Protein backbone atom coordinates (compact mmCIF):
# COMPACT_ATOMS: atom_id res chain seq x y z
CA UNK A 1 -89.48 -13.58 124.69
CA UNK A 2 -87.72 -11.85 121.81
CA UNK A 3 -89.18 -10.52 118.57
CA UNK A 4 -87.42 -13.17 116.46
CA UNK A 5 -89.53 -15.87 118.12
CA UNK A 6 -92.88 -14.39 117.06
CA UNK A 7 -92.31 -12.16 114.04
CA UNK A 8 -93.92 -12.97 110.71
CA UNK A 9 -91.33 -14.47 108.37
CA UNK A 10 -90.33 -14.76 105.64
CA UNK A 11 -91.53 -11.22 105.22
CA UNK A 12 -93.50 -10.22 102.12
CA UNK A 13 -92.15 -6.98 100.65
CA UNK A 14 -93.06 -4.76 97.70
CA UNK A 15 -90.87 -2.72 95.39
CA UNK A 16 -91.02 1.05 95.55
CA UNK A 17 -91.74 1.19 91.80
CA UNK A 18 -94.64 -1.27 91.96
CA UNK A 19 -98.01 0.15 90.78
CA UNK A 20 -100.36 0.60 93.72
CA UNK A 21 -103.05 -1.70 92.31
CA UNK A 22 -100.51 -4.49 91.92
CA UNK A 23 -99.38 -3.95 95.51
CA UNK A 24 -102.98 -3.93 96.75
CA UNK A 25 -103.78 -7.15 94.90
CA UNK A 26 -100.69 -8.77 96.41
CA UNK A 27 -101.71 -7.75 99.93
CA UNK A 28 -105.26 -9.04 99.40
CA UNK A 29 -103.94 -12.32 98.06
CA UNK A 30 -101.52 -12.79 100.95
CA UNK A 31 -104.08 -11.52 103.50
CA UNK A 32 -101.79 -8.87 104.96
CA UNK A 33 -102.53 -5.26 105.85
CA UNK A 34 -99.05 -3.74 105.70
CA UNK A 35 -95.69 -4.57 104.21
CA UNK A 36 -92.17 -3.10 104.02
CA UNK A 37 -91.10 -1.36 100.83
CA UNK A 38 -87.66 -2.13 99.41
CA UNK A 39 -85.47 -0.67 96.69
CA UNK A 40 -82.45 -2.67 95.56
CA UNK A 41 -82.89 -4.86 98.61
CA UNK A 42 -82.84 -1.96 101.08
CA UNK A 43 -85.73 -0.78 103.25
CA UNK A 44 -87.06 2.57 102.01
CA UNK A 45 -90.57 2.68 103.47
CA UNK A 46 -93.66 0.85 104.64
CA UNK A 47 -97.11 0.71 103.06
CA UNK A 48 -100.54 -0.23 104.41
CA UNK A 49 -103.71 -1.24 102.64
CA UNK A 50 -105.25 2.05 103.81
CA UNK A 51 -102.48 4.02 102.09
CA UNK A 52 -103.22 2.20 98.85
CA UNK A 53 -107.00 2.51 99.12
CA UNK A 54 -106.78 6.22 99.93
CA UNK A 55 -104.79 6.75 96.75
CA UNK A 56 -107.65 5.35 94.65
CA UNK A 57 -110.39 7.60 93.19
CA UNK A 58 -113.59 7.97 95.21
CA UNK A 59 -116.95 6.68 94.01
CA UNK A 60 -117.94 10.27 93.31
CA UNK A 61 -115.40 10.75 90.54
CA UNK A 62 -116.64 11.70 87.08
CA UNK A 63 -113.72 10.00 85.36
CA UNK A 64 -114.37 7.08 83.05
CA UNK A 65 -113.13 3.62 83.96
CA UNK A 66 -110.40 3.92 81.30
CA UNK A 67 -109.24 7.24 82.70
CA UNK A 68 -109.24 5.82 86.22
CA UNK A 69 -107.22 2.77 85.19
CA UNK A 70 -104.72 4.94 83.38
CA UNK A 71 -104.25 7.24 86.38
CA UNK A 72 -103.89 4.32 88.77
CA UNK A 73 -101.27 2.73 86.54
CA UNK A 74 -99.16 5.86 86.93
CA UNK A 75 -99.20 5.82 90.73
CA UNK A 76 -96.52 3.70 92.37
CA UNK A 77 -95.90 2.57 95.93
CA UNK A 78 -93.17 5.20 96.15
CA UNK A 79 -95.82 7.94 95.80
CA UNK A 80 -97.88 6.90 98.82
CA UNK A 81 -95.59 4.96 101.17
CA UNK A 82 -94.45 6.18 104.59
CA UNK A 83 -90.73 6.91 104.39
CA UNK A 84 -90.00 7.56 108.06
CA UNK A 85 -90.03 3.97 109.26
CA UNK A 86 -89.45 2.80 112.82
CA UNK A 87 -87.56 -0.49 112.96
CA UNK A 88 -86.44 -2.98 115.58
CA UNK A 89 -83.96 -5.86 115.65
CA UNK A 90 -84.56 -9.57 116.04
CA UNK A 91 -83.25 -9.38 119.62
CA UNK A 92 -85.71 -6.71 120.76
CA UNK A 93 -87.84 -7.90 123.72
CA UNK A 94 -91.43 -8.44 122.59
CA UNK A 95 -92.79 -6.02 125.21
CA UNK A 96 -90.47 -3.29 123.91
CA UNK A 97 -91.87 -3.82 120.41
CA UNK A 98 -95.40 -3.56 121.81
CA UNK A 99 -94.50 -0.34 123.67
CA UNK A 100 -93.06 1.25 120.51
CA UNK A 101 -96.16 0.32 118.52
CA UNK A 102 -98.54 1.64 121.20
CA UNK A 103 -96.60 4.87 121.78
CA UNK A 104 -96.44 5.63 118.06
CA UNK A 105 -99.93 4.32 117.20
CA UNK A 106 -98.69 1.97 114.49
CA UNK A 107 -99.83 -1.53 113.63
CA UNK A 108 -96.54 -3.10 112.59
CA UNK A 109 -92.76 -2.69 112.60
CA UNK A 110 -90.16 -4.13 110.21
CA UNK A 111 -87.56 -6.32 111.90
CA UNK A 112 -83.97 -5.83 110.79
CA UNK A 113 -80.77 -7.83 110.82
CA UNK A 114 -78.21 -5.23 109.88
CA UNK A 115 -79.64 -3.51 106.80
CA UNK A 116 -81.79 -6.47 105.75
CA UNK A 117 -85.50 -6.84 106.48
CA UNK A 118 -85.92 -10.29 108.05
CA UNK A 119 -89.43 -10.07 109.46
CA UNK A 120 -92.42 -8.01 110.50
CA UNK A 121 -94.04 -7.87 113.92
CA UNK A 122 -97.68 -6.77 113.89
CA UNK A 123 -100.55 -6.13 116.26
CA UNK A 124 -101.96 -9.52 115.23
CA UNK A 125 -98.78 -11.23 116.42
CA UNK A 126 -99.11 -9.41 119.74
CA UNK A 127 -102.77 -10.42 120.10
CA UNK A 128 -101.77 -14.07 119.67
CA UNK A 129 -99.17 -13.67 122.42
CA UNK A 130 -101.79 -12.08 124.68
CA UNK A 131 -104.10 -15.07 124.16
CA UNK A 132 -101.29 -17.42 125.22
CA UNK A 133 -100.33 -15.22 128.16
CA UNK A 134 -103.89 -15.32 129.51
CA UNK A 135 -104.42 -19.01 128.74
CA UNK A 136 -107.44 -17.99 126.69
CA UNK A 137 -107.75 -21.29 124.81
CA UNK A 138 -107.51 -23.56 127.86
CA UNK A 139 -110.24 -24.52 130.34
CA UNK A 140 -109.72 -23.63 133.98
CA UNK A 141 -110.82 -21.54 136.94
CA UNK A 142 -110.04 -17.89 136.22
CA UNK A 143 -109.46 -15.52 139.14
CA UNK A 144 -109.02 -11.75 139.15
CA UNK A 145 -108.16 -10.24 142.54
CA UNK A 146 -106.49 -7.32 144.27
CA UNK A 147 -103.47 -8.25 146.36
CA UNK A 148 -101.45 -6.10 148.76
CA UNK A 149 -98.20 -4.75 147.33
CA UNK A 150 -96.07 -6.70 149.81
CA UNK A 151 -93.15 -9.12 149.35
CA UNK A 152 -94.21 -12.76 149.49
CA UNK A 153 -97.94 -12.31 148.78
CA UNK A 154 -97.84 -13.91 145.35
CA UNK A 155 -95.66 -16.73 146.63
CA UNK A 156 -98.25 -17.61 149.26
CA UNK A 157 -101.01 -17.78 146.67
CA UNK A 158 -99.07 -19.91 144.21
CA UNK A 159 -97.79 -22.25 146.92
CA UNK A 160 -101.26 -22.74 148.40
CA UNK A 161 -102.80 -23.48 144.99
CA UNK A 162 -100.04 -25.93 144.12
CA UNK A 163 -100.26 -27.68 147.51
CA UNK A 164 -103.99 -28.22 146.95
CA UNK A 165 -103.26 -29.91 143.60
CA UNK A 166 -103.90 -27.00 141.27
CA UNK A 167 -101.90 -26.49 138.09
CA UNK A 168 -101.32 -22.92 136.87
CA UNK A 169 -102.25 -22.33 133.24
CA UNK A 170 -101.45 -18.60 133.35
CA UNK A 171 -100.51 -15.89 135.83
CA UNK A 172 -100.31 -12.16 135.11
CA UNK A 173 -100.30 -8.98 137.15
CA UNK A 174 -101.34 -5.42 136.41
CA UNK A 175 -101.44 -2.03 138.10
CA UNK A 176 -103.84 -1.97 141.03
CA UNK A 177 -106.40 0.56 142.16
CA UNK A 178 -103.83 2.33 144.34
CA UNK A 179 -100.07 2.26 144.88
CA UNK A 180 -100.60 -0.15 147.78
CA UNK A 181 -102.03 -3.02 145.73
CA UNK A 182 -101.84 -4.91 142.45
CA UNK A 183 -104.41 -6.67 140.31
CA UNK A 184 -103.62 -10.26 139.45
CA UNK A 185 -105.35 -12.57 137.00
CA UNK A 186 -104.59 -16.26 136.84
CA UNK A 187 -106.12 -19.48 135.58
CA UNK A 188 -105.85 -22.82 137.32
CA UNK A 189 -106.69 -26.38 136.27
CA UNK A 190 -107.35 -29.29 138.62
CA UNK A 191 -109.50 -27.44 141.19
CA UNK A 192 -113.10 -26.22 141.24
CA UNK A 193 -114.25 -22.62 141.70
CA UNK A 194 -115.23 -22.99 145.34
CA UNK A 195 -111.91 -24.53 146.33
CA UNK A 196 -109.88 -21.91 144.49
CA UNK A 197 -111.92 -19.12 146.04
CA UNK A 198 -111.40 -20.46 149.56
CA UNK A 199 -107.67 -20.85 149.01
CA UNK A 200 -107.18 -17.37 147.60
CA UNK A 201 -109.44 -15.41 149.96
CA UNK A 202 -106.99 -15.13 152.94
CA UNK A 203 -104.25 -13.60 150.78
CA UNK A 204 -106.13 -10.95 148.79
CA UNK A 205 -107.86 -7.66 149.50
CA UNK A 206 -110.77 -8.56 147.25
CA UNK A 207 -111.74 -11.14 144.67
CA UNK A 208 -112.97 -9.15 141.66
CA UNK A 209 -114.02 -12.06 139.47
CA UNK A 210 -114.10 -15.84 139.81
CA UNK A 211 -115.34 -18.13 137.04
CA UNK A 212 -114.68 -21.30 135.08
CA UNK A 213 -113.97 -20.59 131.45
CA UNK A 214 -112.02 -21.65 128.39
C-alpha cells in the first residue's frame, strides 16, 4: 500500500500571511488538527492547532478584550509555523510514512508531487489502516499465539484453517518473546472458537488469547 491510496486529499492549506485566529477557525470548521502552510503555491511550513492555541494569550492576562483582539490580529501563521518540514511523495510505502512519523514524533506529513502539496497523511489515517489490518470491524474468532520461527509454520496454520472451512479476515505477525519465535494474531470467520483452537494448537508454542469478537 502506498501513501497516495490513503492520504487525505484534496489537502486544506493556509497562507503564511493568514492571521492565526482565521487559521484556527478554519481548522475548527474543517475538523483538522494540522495543515501545510503555503506561500505563492509553495510549501513553506506546517501548522498545528496547538501552535495556534499556544500563540493566544492565557486566561491570566490583564489585557482587555480589545487589546487582545488587536494583538492577535497582528500575529500571522508565519510567526508560529514550523518551517523545517519533513515531506514524503505519493509513492512512499505507507509503513515508511508511519516509521518517519513515529521516529520524529509527529502527527502528520505533507505529501508532495514535485514541489506541489497534493495530500497529507496523518496518524488518523494510519489508525484507520490499522483497524482494517486487524479486521477490527468484522466478527470472527480472534487468535493470538506464539509460533516457532521456522519455515513453513505459518503455511501449516493457514492451510489447516482453510481446509476446515475457515475464511481469514486478517493475519498479522509481530516480534515474539525471543528470537526463536514470533507472535501472530489472526481472525477467522466460518469456524467456532473450539474448532479453531484445536486446529491451531499443534502448530504453536502457546495460544495467548482466543476469543470471538467484532
